[in-house]
């Protein structure tokens, strides 16, 4: 299991606002925040991976196709309804949706997910591995 993952972002305040709206929807709560970083941890004392965000002086825009490193982040949802609710939030904030919520038969079932890009072009996913709403 991963203890934590660090994500560099070109604008910490944009990231703080965006991920501050997203991560509580997928079961995270704020862990730390200051001028140089912020982080979320699994909510309600659950075990799992912490996600840290740090500012970078990126000269080139991020691309999951050409930048070495992170390809995408996937968040596990307990129900399909959470996948749908996150998708609604993403579209409500003007996010670029790659795949609207649906079954992905090419992955081990059940696999109900949605994919989109964050404000910096990082692909995100929310997935439910259950047949429940």
N, C-alpha and C. Protein backbone atom coordinates (compact mmCIF):
# COMPACT_ATOMS: atom_id res chain seq x y z
N UNK A 1 0.85 -1.17 0.00
CA UNK A 1 0.00 0.00 0.00
C UNK A 1 0.89 1.24 0.00
N UNK A 2 0.50 2.24 -0.73
CA UNK A 2 1.22 3.51 -0.73
C UNK A 2 0.89 4.30 0.53
N UNK A 3 1.89 4.87 1.16
CA UNK A 3 1.67 5.72 2.33
C UNK A 3 1.16 7.09 1.92
N UNK A 4 1.84 7.68 0.92
CA UNK A 4 1.39 8.96 0.39
C UNK A 4 1.97 9.15 -1.00
N UNK A 5 1.35 10.08 -1.71
CA UNK A 5 1.82 10.45 -3.04
C UNK A 5 1.88 11.96 -3.08
N UNK A 6 2.90 12.50 -3.72
CA UNK A 6 3.06 13.95 -3.86
C UNK A 6 2.81 14.35 -5.30
N UNK A 7 2.03 15.40 -5.49
CA UNK A 7 1.71 15.89 -6.82
C UNK A 7 2.19 17.34 -6.92
N UNK A 8 3.04 17.61 -7.91
CA UNK A 8 3.47 18.98 -8.16
C UNK A 8 2.43 19.68 -9.03
N UNK A 9 2.12 20.92 -8.69
CA UNK A 9 1.14 21.70 -9.45
C UNK A 9 1.72 23.08 -9.75
N UNK A 10 1.38 23.66 -10.90
CA UNK A 10 1.92 24.97 -11.25
C UNK A 10 1.27 26.14 -10.52
N UNK A 11 0.10 25.92 -9.93
CA UNK A 11 -0.60 26.98 -9.20
C UNK A 11 -1.23 26.36 -7.96
N UNK A 12 -0.58 26.57 -6.82
CA UNK A 12 -1.03 25.93 -5.58
C UNK A 12 -2.41 26.40 -5.16
N UNK A 13 -2.74 27.67 -5.39
CA UNK A 13 -4.05 28.18 -4.98
C UNK A 13 -5.18 27.62 -5.84
N UNK A 14 -4.95 27.49 -7.13
CA UNK A 14 -5.95 26.86 -7.99
C UNK A 14 -6.14 25.41 -7.57
N UNK A 15 -5.03 24.71 -7.30
CA UNK A 15 -5.10 23.32 -6.86
C UNK A 15 -5.83 23.21 -5.53
N UNK A 16 -5.53 24.12 -4.61
CA UNK A 16 -6.17 24.09 -3.28
C UNK A 16 -7.69 24.22 -3.42
N UNK A 17 -8.12 25.13 -4.27
CA UNK A 17 -9.55 25.33 -4.48
C UNK A 17 -10.19 24.11 -5.16
N UNK A 18 -9.55 23.62 -6.22
CA UNK A 18 -10.11 22.50 -6.97
C UNK A 18 -10.16 21.22 -6.14
N UNK A 19 -9.02 20.84 -5.59
CA UNK A 19 -8.97 19.59 -4.84
C UNK A 19 -9.69 19.71 -3.49
N UNK A 20 -9.81 20.93 -2.98
CA UNK A 20 -10.61 21.14 -1.77
C UNK A 20 -12.09 20.85 -2.02
N UNK A 21 -12.54 21.03 -3.25
CA UNK A 21 -13.91 20.69 -3.62
C UNK A 21 -14.08 19.23 -3.99
N UNK A 22 -13.06 18.65 -4.60
CA UNK A 22 -13.14 17.28 -5.08
C UNK A 22 -12.91 16.22 -4.00
N UNK A 23 -11.81 16.34 -3.28
CA UNK A 23 -11.39 15.23 -2.42
C UNK A 23 -12.38 14.87 -1.31
N UNK A 24 -13.07 15.81 -0.69
CA UNK A 24 -14.09 15.39 0.29
C UNK A 24 -15.21 14.56 -0.36
N UNK A 25 -15.45 14.73 -1.64
CA UNK A 25 -16.48 13.96 -2.34
C UNK A 25 -16.07 12.50 -2.56
N UNK A 26 -14.77 12.24 -2.48
CA UNK A 26 -14.28 10.87 -2.69
C UNK A 26 -13.64 10.30 -1.43
N UNK A 27 -14.06 10.83 -0.27
CA UNK A 27 -13.68 10.22 0.99
C UNK A 27 -12.38 10.69 1.64
N UNK A 28 -11.97 11.93 1.36
CA UNK A 28 -10.77 12.48 1.98
C UNK A 28 -11.12 13.70 2.83
N UNK A 29 -10.26 13.99 3.80
CA UNK A 29 -10.39 15.21 4.59
C UNK A 29 -9.03 15.89 4.66
N UNK A 30 -9.06 17.18 4.91
CA UNK A 30 -7.83 17.97 4.97
C UNK A 30 -6.93 17.45 6.08
N UNK A 31 -5.66 17.30 5.77
CA UNK A 31 -4.66 16.84 6.73
C UNK A 31 -3.78 18.00 7.18
N UNK A 32 -3.13 18.67 6.25
CA UNK A 32 -2.32 19.85 6.57
C UNK A 32 -2.43 20.85 5.43
N UNK A 33 -2.17 22.10 5.77
CA UNK A 33 -2.09 23.11 4.72
C UNK A 33 -1.32 24.31 5.24
N UNK A 34 -0.46 24.82 4.38
CA UNK A 34 0.26 26.06 4.65
C UNK A 34 0.59 26.70 3.31
N UNK A 35 1.48 27.67 3.30
CA UNK A 35 1.78 28.41 2.07
C UNK A 35 2.53 27.58 1.02
N UNK A 36 3.17 26.50 1.45
CA UNK A 36 3.99 25.71 0.53
C UNK A 36 3.44 24.33 0.18
N UNK A 37 2.32 23.96 0.77
CA UNK A 37 1.76 22.64 0.52
C UNK A 37 0.37 22.53 1.13
N UNK A 38 -0.33 21.51 0.69
CA UNK A 38 -1.53 21.07 1.40
C UNK A 38 -1.66 19.59 1.13
N UNK A 39 -2.38 18.90 2.01
CA UNK A 39 -2.52 17.45 1.88
C UNK A 39 -3.86 17.00 2.42
N UNK A 40 -4.35 15.91 1.86
CA UNK A 40 -5.58 15.26 2.30
C UNK A 40 -5.27 13.84 2.71
N UNK A 41 -6.07 13.35 3.66
CA UNK A 41 -5.93 11.98 4.14
C UNK A 41 -7.30 11.31 4.08
N UNK A 42 -7.33 9.98 4.11
CA UNK A 42 -8.63 9.30 4.14
C UNK A 42 -9.46 9.79 5.33
N UNK A 43 -10.72 10.05 5.09
CA UNK A 43 -11.60 10.62 6.12
C UNK A 43 -12.00 9.59 7.17
N UNK A 44 -12.39 10.11 8.30
CA UNK A 44 -12.97 9.31 9.39
C UNK A 44 -12.05 8.21 9.90
N UNK A 45 -10.75 8.48 9.92
CA UNK A 45 -9.80 7.52 10.47
C UNK A 45 -9.54 6.30 9.63
N UNK A 46 -10.02 6.29 8.39
CA UNK A 46 -9.78 5.14 7.52
C UNK A 46 -8.30 5.09 7.14
N UNK A 47 -7.82 3.91 6.90
CA UNK A 47 -6.45 3.74 6.45
C UNK A 47 -6.40 3.93 4.94
N UNK A 48 -5.28 4.41 4.47
CA UNK A 48 -5.13 4.58 3.03
C UNK A 48 -4.06 5.60 2.70
N UNK A 49 -3.99 5.94 1.46
CA UNK A 49 -2.95 6.82 0.94
C UNK A 49 -3.30 8.28 1.14
N UNK A 50 -2.32 9.05 1.62
CA UNK A 50 -2.45 10.50 1.74
C UNK A 50 -2.02 11.12 0.41
N UNK A 51 -2.61 12.27 0.06
CA UNK A 51 -2.26 12.95 -1.18
C UNK A 51 -1.77 14.36 -0.84
N UNK A 52 -0.51 14.64 -1.20
CA UNK A 52 0.12 15.94 -0.95
C UNK A 52 0.22 16.72 -2.26
N UNK A 53 0.10 18.04 -2.17
CA UNK A 53 0.24 18.92 -3.33
C UNK A 53 1.30 19.97 -3.02
N UNK A 54 2.21 20.16 -3.99
CA UNK A 54 3.33 21.08 -3.83
C UNK A 54 3.42 22.00 -5.05
N UNK A 55 3.88 23.24 -4.85
CA UNK A 55 4.06 24.12 -6.01
C UNK A 55 5.31 23.75 -6.80
N UNK A 56 5.25 23.95 -8.08
CA UNK A 56 6.40 23.73 -8.94
C UNK A 56 6.58 24.93 -9.85
N UNK A 57 7.74 25.06 -10.40
CA UNK A 57 8.04 26.11 -11.38
C UNK A 57 8.04 25.50 -12.77
N UNK A 58 6.98 24.80 -13.10
CA UNK A 58 6.90 24.08 -14.38
C UNK A 58 7.04 25.05 -15.54
N UNK A 59 7.94 24.72 -16.45
CA UNK A 59 8.10 25.51 -17.67
C UNK A 59 7.23 24.97 -18.79
N UNK A 60 7.03 23.67 -18.76
CA UNK A 60 6.23 23.01 -19.78
C UNK A 60 4.91 22.56 -19.19
N UNK A 61 3.83 22.64 -19.95
CA UNK A 61 2.56 22.13 -19.43
C UNK A 61 2.62 20.61 -19.27
N UNK A 62 1.89 20.09 -18.31
CA UNK A 62 1.83 18.66 -18.06
C UNK A 62 1.06 17.97 -19.16
N UNK A 63 1.50 16.78 -19.53
CA UNK A 63 0.76 15.93 -20.46
C UNK A 63 0.91 14.48 -20.02
N UNK A 64 -0.19 13.79 -19.86
CA UNK A 64 -0.11 12.37 -19.48
C UNK A 64 0.48 11.54 -20.60
N UNK A 65 0.55 12.10 -21.81
CA UNK A 65 1.07 11.39 -22.96
C UNK A 65 2.57 11.57 -23.15
N UNK A 66 3.12 12.71 -22.69
CA UNK A 66 4.53 13.00 -22.97
C UNK A 66 5.39 13.29 -21.75
N UNK A 67 4.79 13.56 -20.61
CA UNK A 67 5.55 13.87 -19.40
C UNK A 67 5.84 12.57 -18.65
N UNK A 68 7.09 12.37 -18.30
CA UNK A 68 7.45 11.19 -17.53
C UNK A 68 6.90 11.34 -16.12
N UNK A 69 6.37 10.26 -15.57
CA UNK A 69 5.84 10.28 -14.21
C UNK A 69 4.36 9.94 -14.19
N UNK A 70 3.62 10.72 -13.45
CA UNK A 70 2.20 10.46 -13.20
C UNK A 70 1.40 10.36 -14.50
N UNK A 71 0.64 9.28 -14.66
CA UNK A 71 -0.25 9.13 -15.81
C UNK A 71 -1.67 9.53 -15.42
N UNK A 72 -2.16 9.05 -14.28
CA UNK A 72 -3.43 9.51 -13.74
C UNK A 72 -3.59 9.03 -12.31
N UNK A 73 -4.53 9.66 -11.62
CA UNK A 73 -4.89 9.27 -10.26
C UNK A 73 -6.31 8.74 -10.28
N UNK A 74 -6.53 7.61 -9.61
CA UNK A 74 -7.86 7.02 -9.53
C UNK A 74 -8.30 6.98 -8.08
N UNK A 75 -9.51 7.43 -7.82
CA UNK A 75 -10.09 7.43 -6.49
C UNK A 75 -11.21 6.38 -6.45
N UNK A 76 -11.23 5.58 -5.40
CA UNK A 76 -12.23 4.52 -5.27
C UNK A 76 -13.48 5.09 -4.60
N UNK A 77 -14.61 4.81 -5.21
CA UNK A 77 -15.91 5.21 -4.67
C UNK A 77 -16.62 3.99 -4.11
N UNK A 78 -17.35 4.17 -3.03
CA UNK A 78 -18.06 3.05 -2.41
C UNK A 78 -19.32 2.65 -3.17
N UNK A 79 -19.88 3.59 -3.94
CA UNK A 79 -21.10 3.30 -4.70
C UNK A 79 -21.02 3.95 -6.07
N UNK A 80 -21.84 3.47 -6.97
CA UNK A 80 -21.94 4.06 -8.31
C UNK A 80 -22.51 5.48 -8.23
N UNK A 81 -23.36 5.71 -7.26
CA UNK A 81 -23.92 7.05 -7.08
C UNK A 81 -22.84 8.08 -6.82
N UNK A 82 -21.80 7.69 -6.08
CA UNK A 82 -20.70 8.62 -5.83
C UNK A 82 -20.00 8.95 -7.15
N UNK A 83 -19.80 7.96 -8.01
CA UNK A 83 -19.20 8.21 -9.33
C UNK A 83 -20.04 9.23 -10.08
N UNK A 84 -21.35 9.04 -10.09
CA UNK A 84 -22.25 9.97 -10.78
C UNK A 84 -22.21 11.36 -10.15
N UNK A 85 -22.18 11.43 -8.83
CA UNK A 85 -22.15 12.72 -8.14
C UNK A 85 -20.84 13.47 -8.43
N UNK A 86 -19.73 12.77 -8.44
CA UNK A 86 -18.45 13.40 -8.76
C UNK A 86 -18.47 13.90 -10.20
N UNK A 87 -19.00 13.09 -11.10
CA UNK A 87 -19.11 13.53 -12.51
C UNK A 87 -19.94 14.81 -12.60
N UNK A 88 -21.04 14.87 -11.89
CA UNK A 88 -21.88 16.08 -11.90
C UNK A 88 -21.10 17.27 -11.37
N UNK A 89 -20.31 17.08 -10.32
CA UNK A 89 -19.49 18.16 -9.77
C UNK A 89 -18.47 18.62 -10.80
N UNK A 90 -17.80 17.66 -11.45
CA UNK A 90 -16.78 17.99 -12.46
C UNK A 90 -17.39 18.82 -13.58
N UNK A 91 -18.54 18.39 -14.09
CA UNK A 91 -19.16 19.16 -15.17
C UNK A 91 -19.64 20.52 -14.67
N UNK A 92 -20.06 20.57 -13.42
CA UNK A 92 -20.51 21.83 -12.84
C UNK A 92 -19.41 22.87 -12.69
N UNK A 93 -18.17 22.41 -12.52
CA UNK A 93 -17.05 23.36 -12.41
C UNK A 93 -16.34 23.53 -13.75
N UNK A 94 -16.95 22.99 -14.81
CA UNK A 94 -16.40 23.18 -16.15
C UNK A 94 -15.25 22.25 -16.50
N UNK A 95 -15.17 21.10 -15.83
CA UNK A 95 -14.10 20.15 -16.10
C UNK A 95 -14.22 19.50 -17.46
N UNK A 96 -13.06 19.11 -18.00
CA UNK A 96 -13.02 18.42 -19.29
C UNK A 96 -13.18 16.92 -19.07
N UNK A 97 -14.34 16.40 -19.41
CA UNK A 97 -14.65 14.98 -19.20
C UNK A 97 -14.08 14.17 -20.36
N UNK A 98 -13.37 13.12 -20.03
CA UNK A 98 -12.85 12.19 -21.03
C UNK A 98 -13.84 11.05 -21.24
N UNK A 99 -14.33 10.48 -20.13
CA UNK A 99 -15.35 9.43 -20.18
C UNK A 99 -16.39 9.72 -19.11
N UNK A 100 -17.63 9.90 -19.52
CA UNK A 100 -18.73 10.02 -18.57
C UNK A 100 -18.90 8.69 -17.85
N UNK A 101 -19.60 8.67 -16.71
CA UNK A 101 -19.77 7.42 -15.97
C UNK A 101 -20.36 6.31 -16.83
N UNK A 102 -19.69 5.15 -16.76
CA UNK A 102 -20.17 3.98 -17.49
C UNK A 102 -19.41 2.75 -17.04
N UNK A 103 -19.88 1.60 -17.46
CA UNK A 103 -19.17 0.33 -17.26
C UNK A 103 -17.97 0.30 -18.20
N UNK A 104 -16.88 -0.27 -17.74
CA UNK A 104 -15.71 -0.48 -18.57
C UNK A 104 -15.45 -1.98 -18.63
N UNK A 105 -16.03 -2.67 -19.64
CA UNK A 105 -15.90 -4.12 -19.70
C UNK A 105 -14.48 -4.61 -19.98
N UNK A 106 -13.61 -3.72 -20.42
CA UNK A 106 -12.23 -4.12 -20.67
C UNK A 106 -11.41 -4.30 -19.39
N UNK A 107 -11.98 -3.86 -18.24
CA UNK A 107 -11.33 -4.04 -16.95
C UNK A 107 -12.10 -5.09 -16.16
N UNK A 108 -11.46 -5.71 -15.16
CA UNK A 108 -12.17 -6.73 -14.38
C UNK A 108 -13.45 -6.18 -13.77
N UNK A 109 -14.58 -6.84 -14.01
CA UNK A 109 -15.86 -6.35 -13.50
C UNK A 109 -16.02 -6.61 -12.00
N UNK A 110 -16.87 -5.84 -11.37
CA UNK A 110 -17.54 -4.66 -11.91
C UNK A 110 -16.61 -3.45 -11.90
N UNK A 111 -16.68 -2.63 -12.94
CA UNK A 111 -15.82 -1.46 -13.07
C UNK A 111 -16.66 -0.33 -13.65
N UNK A 112 -17.17 0.52 -12.78
CA UNK A 112 -18.01 1.65 -13.17
C UNK A 112 -17.22 2.91 -12.85
N UNK A 113 -16.91 3.71 -13.86
CA UNK A 113 -15.99 4.82 -13.64
C UNK A 113 -16.28 6.01 -14.53
N UNK A 114 -15.65 7.12 -14.16
CA UNK A 114 -15.63 8.33 -14.97
C UNK A 114 -14.20 8.86 -14.96
N UNK A 115 -13.77 9.44 -16.08
CA UNK A 115 -12.43 10.02 -16.22
C UNK A 115 -12.55 11.47 -16.67
N UNK A 116 -11.66 12.33 -16.19
CA UNK A 116 -11.65 13.73 -16.58
C UNK A 116 -10.27 14.32 -16.32
N UNK A 117 -10.08 15.57 -16.74
CA UNK A 117 -8.82 16.28 -16.52
C UNK A 117 -8.99 17.33 -15.44
N UNK A 118 -7.98 17.45 -14.57
CA UNK A 118 -8.00 18.53 -13.58
C UNK A 118 -7.59 19.83 -14.27
N UNK A 119 -7.54 20.97 -13.57
CA UNK A 119 -7.22 22.24 -14.22
C UNK A 119 -5.84 22.28 -14.88
N UNK A 120 -4.97 21.33 -14.55
CA UNK A 120 -3.60 21.33 -15.07
C UNK A 120 -3.38 20.26 -16.12
N UNK A 121 -4.41 19.50 -16.45
CA UNK A 121 -4.30 18.45 -17.45
C UNK A 121 -4.03 17.08 -16.90
N UNK A 122 -3.98 16.92 -15.57
CA UNK A 122 -3.79 15.60 -14.98
C UNK A 122 -5.10 14.83 -15.09
N UNK A 123 -5.01 13.60 -15.61
CA UNK A 123 -6.21 12.80 -15.72
C UNK A 123 -6.57 12.21 -14.35
N UNK A 124 -7.83 12.34 -14.00
CA UNK A 124 -8.36 11.81 -12.75
C UNK A 124 -9.47 10.82 -13.08
N UNK A 125 -9.70 9.92 -12.15
CA UNK A 125 -10.73 8.90 -12.31
C UNK A 125 -11.39 8.65 -10.98
N UNK A 126 -12.67 8.39 -11.00
CA UNK A 126 -13.36 7.87 -9.82
C UNK A 126 -14.02 6.57 -10.27
N UNK A 127 -13.79 5.50 -9.48
CA UNK A 127 -14.23 4.18 -9.89
C UNK A 127 -14.93 3.46 -8.74
N UNK A 128 -15.98 2.75 -9.07
CA UNK A 128 -16.67 1.89 -8.10
C UNK A 128 -16.51 0.45 -8.57
N UNK A 129 -16.04 -0.40 -7.67
CA UNK A 129 -15.83 -1.81 -7.97
C UNK A 129 -16.97 -2.67 -7.42
N UNK A 130 -18.17 -2.08 -7.32
CA UNK A 130 -19.34 -2.79 -6.78
C UNK A 130 -20.54 -2.54 -7.68
N UNK A 131 -21.49 -3.43 -7.64
CA UNK A 131 -22.75 -3.27 -8.38
C UNK A 131 -23.81 -2.65 -7.48
N UNK A 132 -23.45 -1.62 -6.73
CA UNK A 132 -24.42 -1.00 -5.83
C UNK A 132 -24.46 0.50 -6.02
N UNK A 133 -25.64 1.05 -5.77
CA UNK A 133 -25.82 2.50 -5.85
C UNK A 133 -25.79 3.05 -4.45
